[in-house]
Amino acid sequence: MGHAGMAAAAVRYLRSADAPPVEALPRPALRCVGEDERAPVPQAEFRRVLGNFASGVAVVTAPATATATDPQVTADAPQGAAPAGFACQSFSSLSLDPPLVAFMVGRTSTTWPRIARAGVFCVNVLSAGQGELCRAFAVSGADKFAGVTYDAAPVSGSPRLAGTLAWIDCTIHAVHTGGDHLIVVGRVDALGASEGDEVPLLFHKGRFL
């Protein structure tokens, strides 16, 4: 009897009256790892090893909710008129039903409070030719949208950058702590992708590919 036949026989047995009842496994106990349980990984080594994982690059944006004290309000962006945005490597799809995505942002980010205040965001997945655009959004305290072409995402009104591979328009669904970062979960309200053959912008070992 081959593997397929053995599998079919097992299914027939489990469906028969002779099969013992299947009990659910107990729910595993979850807990935090204590500070004294293991030596911390050196940050430099952490960065070096994790840098081997190539990631896509996105820009997370939110509509204008700025006040006079926000660092991105400049002479070119009047009070209350500056949208928010930052370059992000740590973005991922999370759930199909309901449709959820997630990104991670540092707790010290000056852009995150503005996104949180908006309650919505748009993930702009960058194409291979948008390395300079990514660098512009990685700078803190500058007018990141100067000279950048964008329109409004259909539901949130967040900036939808021109020339990207895809965009995902979201409402903030949940925020969780994760060490020195926050894990932001967004519920997808609308999304779209380009029809061309462009390839994504990738980041690997500290440089764009």
N, C-alpha and C. Protein backbone atom coordinates (compact mmCIF):
# COMPACT_ATOMS: atom_id res chain seq x y z
N MET A 1 0.85 -1.19 0.00
CA MET A 1 0.00 0.00 0.00
C MET A 1 0.89 1.25 0.00
N GLY A 2 0.65 2.17 -0.93
CA GLY A 2 1.43 3.38 -1.01
C GLY A 2 1.02 4.39 0.06
N HIS A 3 1.71 5.54 0.04
CA HIS A 3 1.41 6.58 1.03
C HIS A 3 -0.03 7.06 0.92
N ALA A 4 -0.51 7.25 -0.32
CA ALA A 4 -1.88 7.73 -0.50
C ALA A 4 -2.88 6.73 0.04
N GLY A 5 -2.64 5.42 -0.20
CA GLY A 5 -3.55 4.40 0.30
C GLY A 5 -3.55 4.33 1.81
N MET A 6 -2.36 4.48 2.43
CA MET A 6 -2.27 4.48 3.89
C MET A 6 -3.03 5.66 4.47
N ALA A 7 -2.90 6.80 3.85
CA ALA A 7 -3.60 7.99 4.34
C ALA A 7 -5.10 7.81 4.24
N ALA A 8 -5.56 7.24 3.11
CA ALA A 8 -7.00 7.03 2.93
C ALA A 8 -7.53 6.05 3.96
N ALA A 9 -6.75 4.97 4.26
CA ALA A 9 -7.17 4.00 5.26
C ALA A 9 -7.25 4.63 6.64
N ALA A 10 -6.30 5.53 6.96
CA ALA A 10 -6.32 6.21 8.25
C ALA A 10 -7.54 7.09 8.40
N VAL A 11 -7.90 7.77 7.32
CA VAL A 11 -9.09 8.64 7.36
C VAL A 11 -10.34 7.80 7.57
N ARG A 12 -10.43 6.66 6.86
CA ARG A 12 -11.60 5.79 7.02
C ARG A 12 -11.72 5.29 8.45
N TYR A 13 -10.58 4.94 9.06
CA TYR A 13 -10.59 4.44 10.44
C TYR A 13 -11.06 5.50 11.41
N LEU A 14 -10.51 6.71 11.24
CA LEU A 14 -10.87 7.79 12.16
C LEU A 14 -12.34 8.16 12.05
N ARG A 15 -12.94 7.91 10.89
CA ARG A 15 -14.35 8.22 10.70
C ARG A 15 -15.26 7.08 11.16
N SER A 16 -14.69 5.92 11.44
CA SER A 16 -15.50 4.76 11.83
C SER A 16 -15.88 4.82 13.30
N ALA A 17 -16.85 3.95 13.68
CA ALA A 17 -17.32 3.92 15.06
C ALA A 17 -16.28 3.31 16.00
N ASP A 18 -15.30 2.54 15.43
CA ASP A 18 -14.29 1.89 16.26
C ASP A 18 -13.19 2.86 16.71
N ALA A 19 -13.10 3.99 16.09
CA ALA A 19 -12.03 4.93 16.43
C ALA A 19 -12.29 5.58 17.77
N PRO A 20 -11.25 5.70 18.59
CA PRO A 20 -11.44 6.36 19.90
C PRO A 20 -11.70 7.84 19.71
N PRO A 21 -12.42 8.46 20.65
CA PRO A 21 -12.67 9.92 20.53
C PRO A 21 -11.37 10.69 20.59
N VAL A 22 -11.31 11.75 19.81
CA VAL A 22 -10.12 12.61 19.77
C VAL A 22 -10.34 13.77 20.72
N GLU A 23 -9.46 13.88 21.70
CA GLU A 23 -9.57 14.97 22.66
C GLU A 23 -8.67 16.12 22.26
N ALA A 24 -9.17 17.31 22.48
CA ALA A 24 -8.38 18.49 22.15
C ALA A 24 -7.17 18.59 23.06
N LEU A 25 -6.05 19.02 22.49
CA LEU A 25 -4.85 19.21 23.30
C LEU A 25 -5.05 20.40 24.24
N PRO A 26 -4.43 20.36 25.41
CA PRO A 26 -4.57 21.50 26.34
C PRO A 26 -3.93 22.75 25.75
N ARG A 27 -4.51 23.88 26.08
CA ARG A 27 -3.98 25.16 25.60
C ARG A 27 -2.63 25.41 26.25
N PRO A 28 -1.61 25.72 25.46
CA PRO A 28 -0.28 25.94 26.05
C PRO A 28 -0.25 27.17 26.94
N ALA A 29 0.54 27.06 28.01
CA ALA A 29 0.69 28.21 28.91
C ALA A 29 1.64 29.21 28.27
N LEU A 30 1.26 30.47 28.26
CA LEU A 30 2.07 31.52 27.67
C LEU A 30 2.62 32.41 28.78
N ARG A 31 3.87 32.79 28.64
CA ARG A 31 4.47 33.66 29.64
C ARG A 31 5.62 34.42 29.00
N CYS A 32 6.06 35.47 29.65
CA CYS A 32 7.20 36.25 29.17
C CYS A 32 8.49 35.61 29.68
N VAL A 33 9.53 35.71 28.89
CA VAL A 33 10.85 35.23 29.30
C VAL A 33 11.45 36.25 30.26
N GLY A 34 11.90 35.79 31.42
CA GLY A 34 12.46 36.68 32.41
C GLY A 34 13.81 37.23 32.00
N GLU A 35 14.15 38.40 32.51
CA GLU A 35 15.42 39.04 32.16
C GLU A 35 16.62 38.19 32.57
N ASP A 36 16.46 37.39 33.63
CA ASP A 36 17.58 36.61 34.15
C ASP A 36 17.64 35.19 33.60
N GLU A 37 16.79 34.85 32.65
CA GLU A 37 16.73 33.48 32.16
C GLU A 37 17.79 33.16 31.11
N ARG A 38 18.24 34.16 30.40
CA ARG A 38 19.27 33.93 29.40
C ARG A 38 20.00 35.23 29.12
N ALA A 39 21.23 35.09 28.68
CA ALA A 39 22.02 36.29 28.39
C ALA A 39 21.46 36.99 27.16
N PRO A 40 21.41 38.33 27.16
CA PRO A 40 20.90 39.04 25.99
C PRO A 40 21.85 38.88 24.81
N VAL A 41 21.27 38.90 23.61
CA VAL A 41 22.06 38.84 22.38
C VAL A 41 22.66 40.23 22.14
N PRO A 42 23.95 40.34 21.87
CA PRO A 42 24.54 41.66 21.58
C PRO A 42 23.83 42.32 20.40
N GLN A 43 23.55 43.61 20.52
CA GLN A 43 22.80 44.30 19.48
C GLN A 43 23.51 44.26 18.13
N ALA A 44 24.83 44.42 18.14
CA ALA A 44 25.57 44.41 16.88
C ALA A 44 25.44 43.06 16.18
N GLU A 45 25.52 41.98 16.97
CA GLU A 45 25.39 40.65 16.39
C GLU A 45 23.95 40.40 15.91
N PHE A 46 22.99 40.90 16.65
CA PHE A 46 21.59 40.79 16.25
C PHE A 46 21.38 41.44 14.89
N ARG A 47 21.89 42.67 14.73
CA ARG A 47 21.75 43.38 13.47
C ARG A 47 22.46 42.65 12.33
N ARG A 48 23.66 42.14 12.61
CA ARG A 48 24.43 41.47 11.56
C ARG A 48 23.73 40.23 11.05
N VAL A 49 23.24 39.42 11.97
CA VAL A 49 22.61 38.17 11.56
C VAL A 49 21.25 38.42 10.89
N LEU A 50 20.43 39.26 11.50
CA LEU A 50 19.11 39.53 10.93
C LEU A 50 19.20 40.28 9.61
N GLY A 51 20.33 40.95 9.37
CA GLY A 51 20.51 41.63 8.09
C GLY A 51 20.58 40.69 6.91
N ASN A 52 20.76 39.40 7.18
CA ASN A 52 20.78 38.42 6.10
C ASN A 52 19.39 38.12 5.55
N PHE A 53 18.37 38.56 6.27
CA PHE A 53 17.00 38.37 5.79
C PHE A 53 16.61 39.55 4.92
N ALA A 54 16.48 39.31 3.62
CA ALA A 54 16.09 40.38 2.70
C ALA A 54 14.61 40.71 2.89
N SER A 55 14.31 41.98 2.93
CA SER A 55 12.92 42.41 3.13
C SER A 55 12.52 43.40 2.06
N GLY A 56 11.24 43.47 1.83
CA GLY A 56 10.71 44.53 0.99
C GLY A 56 10.72 45.84 1.75
N VAL A 57 10.44 46.92 1.06
CA VAL A 57 10.45 48.25 1.68
C VAL A 57 9.14 48.95 1.34
N ALA A 58 8.57 49.60 2.34
CA ALA A 58 7.32 50.33 2.14
C ALA A 58 7.42 51.69 2.82
N VAL A 59 6.54 52.57 2.43
CA VAL A 59 6.37 53.84 3.13
C VAL A 59 4.95 53.85 3.70
N VAL A 60 4.87 54.01 5.02
CA VAL A 60 3.57 54.08 5.70
C VAL A 60 3.20 55.54 5.85
N THR A 61 2.02 55.91 5.37
CA THR A 61 1.59 57.30 5.39
C THR A 61 0.27 57.44 6.13
N ALA A 62 -0.01 58.67 6.56
CA ALA A 62 -1.30 58.98 7.20
C ALA A 62 -1.69 60.40 6.82
N PRO A 63 -2.98 60.72 6.82
CA PRO A 63 -3.41 62.06 6.44
C PRO A 63 -3.02 63.10 7.48
N ALA A 64 -3.11 64.34 7.09
CA ALA A 64 -2.68 65.45 7.94
C ALA A 64 -3.51 65.55 9.21
N THR A 65 -2.82 65.57 10.34
CA THR A 65 -3.44 65.87 11.63
C THR A 65 -2.49 66.73 12.44
N ALA A 66 -1.55 67.42 11.77
CA ALA A 66 -0.44 68.10 12.43
C ALA A 66 -0.91 69.28 13.27
N THR A 67 -0.08 69.58 14.27
CA THR A 67 -0.25 70.78 15.08
C THR A 67 1.03 71.58 14.99
N ALA A 68 1.04 72.74 15.59
CA ALA A 68 2.20 73.62 15.49
C ALA A 68 3.45 73.02 16.11
N THR A 69 3.29 72.07 17.04
CA THR A 69 4.45 71.49 17.72
C THR A 69 5.02 70.28 17.00
N ASP A 70 4.37 69.81 15.94
CA ASP A 70 4.88 68.65 15.21
C ASP A 70 6.11 69.02 14.42
N PRO A 71 7.18 68.20 14.45
CA PRO A 71 8.42 68.55 13.78
C PRO A 71 8.31 68.61 12.28
N GLN A 72 7.28 68.00 11.66
CA GLN A 72 7.17 68.02 10.22
C GLN A 72 6.38 69.21 9.70
N VAL A 73 5.91 70.08 10.59
CA VAL A 73 5.25 71.30 10.14
C VAL A 73 6.31 72.32 9.80
N THR A 74 6.36 72.72 8.55
CA THR A 74 7.36 73.67 8.08
C THR A 74 6.68 74.83 7.36
N ALA A 75 7.51 75.73 6.84
CA ALA A 75 6.95 76.85 6.09
C ALA A 75 6.21 76.37 4.85
N ASP A 76 6.64 75.21 4.31
CA ASP A 76 5.99 74.66 3.12
C ASP A 76 4.78 73.82 3.47
N ALA A 77 4.61 73.49 4.74
CA ALA A 77 3.48 72.68 5.18
C ALA A 77 2.82 73.40 6.35
N PRO A 78 1.83 74.22 6.09
CA PRO A 78 1.21 75.03 7.15
C PRO A 78 0.63 74.17 8.26
N GLN A 79 0.35 74.83 9.38
CA GLN A 79 -0.21 74.14 10.54
C GLN A 79 -1.47 73.38 10.13
N GLY A 80 -1.51 72.12 10.53
CA GLY A 80 -2.67 71.30 10.24
C GLY A 80 -2.70 70.72 8.85
N ALA A 81 -1.66 70.99 8.02
CA ALA A 81 -1.72 70.56 6.62
C ALA A 81 -0.67 69.55 6.25
N ALA A 82 0.12 69.06 7.20
CA ALA A 82 1.22 68.16 6.86
C ALA A 82 0.83 66.71 7.08
N PRO A 83 0.85 65.89 6.02
CA PRO A 83 0.64 64.46 6.23
C PRO A 83 1.86 63.83 6.90
N ALA A 84 1.72 62.62 7.36
CA ALA A 84 2.80 61.91 8.04
C ALA A 84 3.25 60.72 7.20
N GLY A 85 4.52 60.33 7.37
CA GLY A 85 5.00 59.17 6.65
C GLY A 85 6.38 58.75 7.12
N PHE A 86 6.68 57.46 7.04
CA PHE A 86 8.01 56.98 7.37
C PHE A 86 8.31 55.71 6.58
N ALA A 87 9.60 55.47 6.33
CA ALA A 87 10.04 54.27 5.63
C ALA A 87 10.00 53.08 6.57
N CYS A 88 9.53 51.94 6.06
CA CYS A 88 9.29 50.79 6.92
C CYS A 88 9.71 49.50 6.22
N GLN A 89 10.57 48.72 6.88
CA GLN A 89 10.93 47.39 6.39
C GLN A 89 10.06 46.31 7.01
N SER A 90 9.60 46.54 8.22
CA SER A 90 8.92 45.50 8.99
C SER A 90 7.41 45.56 8.74
N PHE A 91 7.03 45.21 7.52
CA PHE A 91 5.61 45.16 7.15
C PHE A 91 5.28 43.74 6.71
N SER A 92 4.08 43.29 7.03
CA SER A 92 3.70 41.93 6.66
C SER A 92 2.19 41.80 6.57
N SER A 93 1.72 40.89 5.71
CA SER A 93 0.33 40.49 5.77
C SER A 93 0.14 39.66 7.03
N LEU A 94 -1.05 39.65 7.60
CA LEU A 94 -1.27 38.99 8.88
C LEU A 94 -2.44 38.02 8.84
N SER A 95 -3.55 38.43 8.28
CA SER A 95 -4.75 37.61 8.33
C SER A 95 -5.56 37.81 7.06
N LEU A 96 -6.18 36.70 6.60
CA LEU A 96 -7.05 36.77 5.43
C LEU A 96 -8.49 37.07 5.82
N ASP A 97 -8.94 36.52 6.94
CA ASP A 97 -10.32 36.70 7.38
C ASP A 97 -10.34 36.99 8.88
N PRO A 98 -10.45 38.25 9.29
CA PRO A 98 -10.61 39.44 8.46
C PRO A 98 -9.28 39.84 7.83
N PRO A 99 -9.31 40.67 6.80
CA PRO A 99 -8.06 41.08 6.15
C PRO A 99 -7.26 42.03 7.04
N LEU A 100 -6.13 41.55 7.53
CA LEU A 100 -5.29 42.35 8.42
C LEU A 100 -3.86 42.37 7.92
N VAL A 101 -3.18 43.49 8.14
CA VAL A 101 -1.75 43.61 7.90
C VAL A 101 -1.11 44.16 9.17
N ALA A 102 0.20 44.15 9.23
CA ALA A 102 0.90 44.65 10.42
C ALA A 102 2.20 45.32 10.02
N PHE A 103 2.60 46.32 10.79
CA PHE A 103 3.93 46.88 10.65
C PHE A 103 4.46 47.19 12.04
N MET A 104 5.77 47.27 12.13
CA MET A 104 6.42 47.58 13.40
C MET A 104 7.07 48.96 13.33
N VAL A 105 6.99 49.71 14.41
CA VAL A 105 7.55 51.05 14.45
C VAL A 105 8.20 51.27 15.81
N GLY A 106 9.34 51.95 15.82
CA GLY A 106 10.04 52.21 17.06
C GLY A 106 9.23 53.09 18.00
N ARG A 107 9.35 52.82 19.29
CA ARG A 107 8.61 53.61 20.27
C ARG A 107 9.04 55.07 20.28
N THR A 108 10.27 55.35 19.85
CA THR A 108 10.77 56.72 19.86
C THR A 108 10.44 57.47 18.57
N SER A 109 9.75 56.83 17.64
CA SER A 109 9.40 57.48 16.38
C SER A 109 8.58 58.74 16.62
N THR A 110 8.95 59.81 15.94
CA THR A 110 8.18 61.05 16.03
C THR A 110 7.01 61.06 15.05
N THR A 111 7.02 60.13 14.09
CA THR A 111 5.93 60.04 13.12
C THR A 111 4.78 59.20 13.64
N TRP A 112 5.08 58.16 14.42
CA TRP A 112 4.03 57.27 14.88
C TRP A 112 2.91 57.99 15.62
N PRO A 113 3.17 58.93 16.55
CA PRO A 113 2.05 59.58 17.24
C PRO A 113 1.08 60.25 16.28
N ARG A 114 1.57 60.74 15.16
CA ARG A 114 0.71 61.40 14.19
C ARG A 114 -0.15 60.39 13.44
N ILE A 115 0.43 59.21 13.15
CA ILE A 115 -0.35 58.15 12.53
C ILE A 115 -1.41 57.65 13.51
N ALA A 116 -1.01 57.48 14.77
CA ALA A 116 -1.95 57.02 15.79
C ALA A 116 -3.10 58.01 15.94
N ARG A 117 -2.78 59.30 15.91
CA ARG A 117 -3.81 60.32 16.04
C ARG A 117 -4.77 60.28 14.86
N ALA A 118 -4.26 59.98 13.68
CA ALA A 118 -5.12 59.88 12.50
C ALA A 118 -6.02 58.65 12.57
N GLY A 119 -5.50 57.56 13.15
CA GLY A 119 -6.29 56.34 13.27
C GLY A 119 -6.36 55.50 12.01
N VAL A 120 -5.68 55.95 10.97
CA VAL A 120 -5.69 55.26 9.68
C VAL A 120 -4.30 55.37 9.07
N PHE A 121 -4.02 54.53 8.07
CA PHE A 121 -2.74 54.64 7.37
C PHE A 121 -2.83 53.94 6.02
N CYS A 122 -1.86 54.24 5.17
CA CYS A 122 -1.74 53.57 3.87
C CYS A 122 -0.32 53.05 3.74
N VAL A 123 -0.18 51.78 3.39
CA VAL A 123 1.12 51.17 3.14
C VAL A 123 1.41 51.27 1.64
N ASN A 124 2.50 51.92 1.29
CA ASN A 124 2.92 52.08 -0.09
C ASN A 124 4.12 51.17 -0.35
N VAL A 125 3.95 50.11 -1.13
CA VAL A 125 5.01 49.14 -1.40
C VAL A 125 5.88 49.69 -2.53
N LEU A 126 7.17 49.94 -2.23
CA LEU A 126 8.04 50.63 -3.17
C LEU A 126 8.58 49.69 -4.24
N SER A 127 8.81 50.27 -5.43
CA SER A 127 9.40 49.54 -6.54
C SER A 127 10.91 49.74 -6.54
N ALA A 128 11.61 48.95 -7.34
CA ALA A 128 13.07 48.93 -7.32
C ALA A 128 13.70 50.28 -7.62
N GLY A 129 13.02 51.13 -8.36
CA GLY A 129 13.58 52.43 -8.71
C GLY A 129 13.29 53.53 -7.70
N GLN A 130 12.75 53.20 -6.54
CA GLN A 130 12.33 54.22 -5.58
C GLN A 130 13.21 54.25 -4.33
N GLY A 131 14.49 53.91 -4.50
CA GLY A 131 15.41 53.97 -3.37
C GLY A 131 15.55 55.36 -2.79
N GLU A 132 15.65 56.37 -3.64
CA GLU A 132 15.79 57.75 -3.14
C GLU A 132 14.54 58.19 -2.40
N LEU A 133 13.37 57.76 -2.88
CA LEU A 133 12.13 58.08 -2.18
C LEU A 133 12.14 57.47 -0.79
N CYS A 134 12.62 56.24 -0.69
CA CYS A 134 12.72 55.58 0.61
C CYS A 134 13.65 56.36 1.54
N ARG A 135 14.80 56.78 1.04
CA ARG A 135 15.74 57.54 1.87
C ARG A 135 15.12 58.84 2.36
N ALA A 136 14.32 59.49 1.52
CA ALA A 136 13.68 60.75 1.92
C ALA A 136 12.74 60.53 3.10
N PHE A 137 12.05 59.39 3.11
CA PHE A 137 11.11 59.13 4.18
C PHE A 137 11.78 58.51 5.40
N ALA A 138 13.07 58.19 5.28
CA ALA A 138 13.80 57.67 6.43
C ALA A 138 14.43 58.78 7.27
N VAL A 139 14.37 60.02 6.77
CA VAL A 139 14.96 61.16 7.47
C VAL A 139 13.97 61.70 8.49
N SER A 140 14.45 62.00 9.67
CA SER A 140 13.58 62.53 10.72
C SER A 140 13.57 64.05 10.71
N GLY A 141 12.38 64.62 10.88
CA GLY A 141 12.26 66.06 11.04
C GLY A 141 12.22 66.87 9.76
N ALA A 142 12.30 66.23 8.60
CA ALA A 142 12.29 66.97 7.33
C ALA A 142 10.87 67.02 6.76
N ASP A 143 10.70 67.85 5.73
CA ASP A 143 9.43 67.85 4.99
C ASP A 143 9.51 66.70 3.99
N LYS A 144 9.07 65.54 4.40
CA LYS A 144 9.26 64.33 3.61
C LYS A 144 8.46 64.33 2.31
N PHE A 145 7.42 65.12 2.24
CA PHE A 145 6.56 65.10 1.06
C PHE A 145 6.91 66.17 0.03
N ALA A 146 7.97 66.92 0.29
CA ALA A 146 8.38 67.96 -0.66
C ALA A 146 8.75 67.33 -2.00
N GLY A 147 8.09 67.73 -3.05
CA GLY A 147 8.38 67.23 -4.39
C GLY A 147 7.87 65.83 -4.66
N VAL A 148 7.13 65.23 -3.75
CA VAL A 148 6.62 63.87 -3.91
C VAL A 148 5.21 63.92 -4.49
N THR A 149 4.99 63.14 -5.54
CA THR A 149 3.67 63.08 -6.17
C THR A 149 2.82 62.03 -5.48
N TYR A 150 1.63 62.42 -5.09
CA TYR A 150 0.72 61.47 -4.43
C TYR A 150 -0.71 61.96 -4.57
N ASP A 151 -1.65 61.03 -4.37
CA ASP A 151 -3.05 61.39 -4.26
C ASP A 151 -3.58 60.78 -2.97
N ALA A 152 -4.90 60.88 -2.76
CA ALA A 152 -5.49 60.40 -1.51
C ALA A 152 -6.00 58.97 -1.67
N ALA A 153 -5.62 58.10 -0.74
CA ALA A 153 -6.17 56.74 -0.73
C ALA A 153 -7.69 56.84 -0.56
N PRO A 154 -8.44 55.91 -1.17
CA PRO A 154 -9.89 56.11 -1.29
C PRO A 154 -10.68 56.11 0.00
N VAL A 155 -10.23 55.41 1.03
CA VAL A 155 -11.01 55.34 2.28
C VAL A 155 -10.43 56.26 3.35
N SER A 156 -9.14 56.14 3.62
CA SER A 156 -8.53 56.90 4.72
C SER A 156 -8.12 58.31 4.32
N GLY A 157 -7.90 58.55 3.04
CA GLY A 157 -7.36 59.83 2.61
C GLY A 157 -5.87 59.96 2.83
N SER A 158 -5.21 58.89 3.25
CA SER A 158 -3.75 58.91 3.44
C SER A 158 -3.05 59.07 2.10
N PRO A 159 -1.85 59.67 2.10
CA PRO A 159 -1.13 59.82 0.84
C PRO A 159 -0.84 58.47 0.18
N ARG A 160 -1.23 58.36 -1.09
CA ARG A 160 -0.95 57.18 -1.90
C ARG A 160 0.11 57.60 -2.92
N LEU A 161 1.34 57.15 -2.71
CA LEU A 161 2.47 57.64 -3.48
C LEU A 161 2.44 57.13 -4.92
N ALA A 162 2.85 57.97 -5.85
CA ALA A 162 2.86 57.60 -7.27
C ALA A 162 4.01 56.62 -7.55
N GLY A 163 3.79 55.70 -8.47
CA GLY A 163 4.84 54.82 -8.94
C GLY A 163 5.13 53.61 -8.07
N THR A 164 4.31 53.36 -7.07
CA THR A 164 4.56 52.22 -6.18
C THR A 164 3.99 50.94 -6.80
N LEU A 165 4.44 49.81 -6.26
CA LEU A 165 3.94 48.52 -6.75
C LEU A 165 2.54 48.24 -6.25
N ALA A 166 2.26 48.64 -5.03
CA ALA A 166 0.96 48.35 -4.43
C ALA A 166 0.67 49.33 -3.31
N TRP A 167 -0.59 49.45 -2.96
CA TRP A 167 -0.99 50.27 -1.83
C TRP A 167 -2.07 49.53 -1.05
N ILE A 168 -2.05 49.69 0.27
CA ILE A 168 -3.01 49.04 1.15
C ILE A 168 -3.55 50.09 2.11
N ASP A 169 -4.82 50.40 2.02
CA ASP A 169 -5.47 51.46 2.79
C ASP A 169 -6.11 50.83 4.03
N CYS A 170 -5.76 51.31 5.22
CA CYS A 170 -6.13 50.60 6.45
C CYS A 170 -6.66 51.53 7.54
N THR A 171 -7.40 50.92 8.45
CA THR A 171 -7.77 51.52 9.73
C THR A 171 -7.01 50.80 10.83
N ILE A 172 -6.49 51.53 11.81
CA ILE A 172 -5.76 50.88 12.90
C ILE A 172 -6.71 49.97 13.67
N HIS A 173 -6.34 48.71 13.77
CA HIS A 173 -7.17 47.68 14.39
C HIS A 173 -6.73 47.38 15.83
N ALA A 174 -5.40 47.35 16.05
CA ALA A 174 -4.86 47.06 17.37
C ALA A 174 -3.40 47.49 17.40
N VAL A 175 -2.89 47.74 18.60
CA VAL A 175 -1.48 48.07 18.80
C VAL A 175 -0.97 47.24 19.97
N HIS A 176 0.14 46.53 19.76
CA HIS A 176 0.73 45.68 20.79
C HIS A 176 2.17 46.12 21.05
N THR A 177 2.65 45.89 22.25
CA THR A 177 4.04 46.19 22.57
C THR A 177 4.94 45.05 22.11
N GLY A 178 6.15 45.41 21.72
CA GLY A 178 7.14 44.42 21.30
C GLY A 178 8.53 44.95 21.58
N GLY A 179 8.95 44.94 22.85
CA GLY A 179 10.27 45.46 23.20
C GLY A 179 10.35 46.95 22.96
N ASP A 180 11.36 47.37 22.18
CA ASP A 180 11.51 48.80 21.90
C ASP A 180 10.68 49.24 20.70
N HIS A 181 9.81 48.36 20.19
CA HIS A 181 8.94 48.68 19.06
C HIS A 181 7.47 48.46 19.45
N LEU A 182 6.59 48.98 18.62
CA LEU A 182 5.17 48.71 18.70
C LEU A 182 4.75 47.90 17.48
N ILE A 183 3.82 46.98 17.67
CA ILE A 183 3.29 46.17 16.58
C ILE A 183 1.91 46.72 16.26
N VAL A 184 1.78 47.32 15.09
CA VAL A 184 0.55 47.98 14.70
C VAL A 184 -0.20 47.08 13.70
N VAL A 185 -1.41 46.73 14.05
CA VAL A 185 -2.25 45.89 13.19
C VAL A 185 -3.29 46.77 12.52
N GLY A 186 -3.41 46.63 11.22
CA GLY A 186 -4.38 47.42 10.48
C GLY A 186 -5.39 46.55 9.76
N ARG A 187 -6.64 46.98 9.79
CA ARG A 187 -7.68 46.28 9.02
C ARG A 187 -7.76 46.91 7.64
N VAL A 188 -7.68 46.08 6.62
CA VAL A 188 -7.61 46.57 5.24
C VAL A 188 -9.00 47.00 4.77
N ASP A 189 -9.09 48.26 4.31
CA ASP A 189 -10.34 48.80 3.79
C ASP A 189 -10.37 48.84 2.27
N ALA A 190 -9.20 48.98 1.66
CA ALA A 190 -9.09 49.02 0.20
C ALA A 190 -7.63 48.75 -0.16
N LEU A 191 -7.40 48.28 -1.38
CA LEU A 191 -6.04 48.01 -1.80
C LEU A 191 -5.98 47.90 -3.32
N GLY A 192 -4.77 47.98 -3.85
CA GLY A 192 -4.59 47.88 -5.29
C GLY A 192 -3.14 47.68 -5.63
N ALA A 193 -2.87 47.30 -6.88
CA ALA A 193 -1.50 47.04 -7.33
C ALA A 193 -1.34 47.54 -8.75
N SER A 194 -0.08 47.82 -9.12
CA SER A 194 0.21 48.28 -10.47
C SER A 194 0.04 47.13 -11.46
N GLU A 195 -0.15 47.46 -12.72
CA GLU A 195 -0.34 46.45 -13.75
C GLU A 195 0.94 46.15 -14.51
N GLY A 196 2.03 46.83 -14.15
CA GLY A 196 3.28 46.66 -14.88
C GLY A 196 4.10 45.47 -14.41
N ASP A 197 5.34 45.41 -14.92
CA ASP A 197 6.25 44.31 -14.57
C ASP A 197 7.36 44.77 -13.64
N GLU A 198 7.15 45.85 -12.89
CA GLU A 198 8.18 46.35 -12.01
C GLU A 198 8.49 45.33 -10.90
N VAL A 199 9.73 45.39 -10.43
CA VAL A 199 10.14 44.51 -9.33
C VAL A 199 10.21 45.33 -8.06
N PRO A 200 10.12 44.69 -6.90
CA PRO A 200 10.10 45.45 -5.64
C PRO A 200 11.48 45.94 -5.22
N LEU A 201 11.48 46.98 -4.41
CA LEU A 201 12.71 47.45 -3.77
C LEU A 201 12.99 46.53 -2.60
N LEU A 202 14.22 45.97 -2.55
CA LEU A 202 14.60 45.06 -1.47
C LEU A 202 15.74 45.65 -0.67
N PHE A 203 15.79 45.32 0.61
CA PHE A 203 16.84 45.78 1.50
C PHE A 203 17.53 44.55 2.08
N HIS A 204 18.87 44.52 1.96
CA HIS A 204 19.63 43.34 2.40
C HIS A 204 21.02 43.77 2.85
N LYS A 205 21.38 43.41 4.07
CA LYS A 205 22.70 43.74 4.62
C LYS A 205 23.03 45.21 4.51
N GLY A 206 22.05 46.04 4.84
CA GLY A 206 22.28 47.48 4.90
C GLY A 206 22.26 48.23 3.60
N ARG A 207 21.83 47.57 2.50
CA ARG A 207 21.79 48.27 1.22
C ARG A 207 20.60 47.79 0.40
N PHE A 208 20.22 48.64 -0.57
CA PHE A 208 19.12 48.29 -1.47
C PHE A 208 19.61 47.34 -2.56
N LEU A 209 18.75 46.43 -2.96
CA LEU A 209 19.03 45.53 -4.09
C LEU A 209 18.21 45.91 -5.29
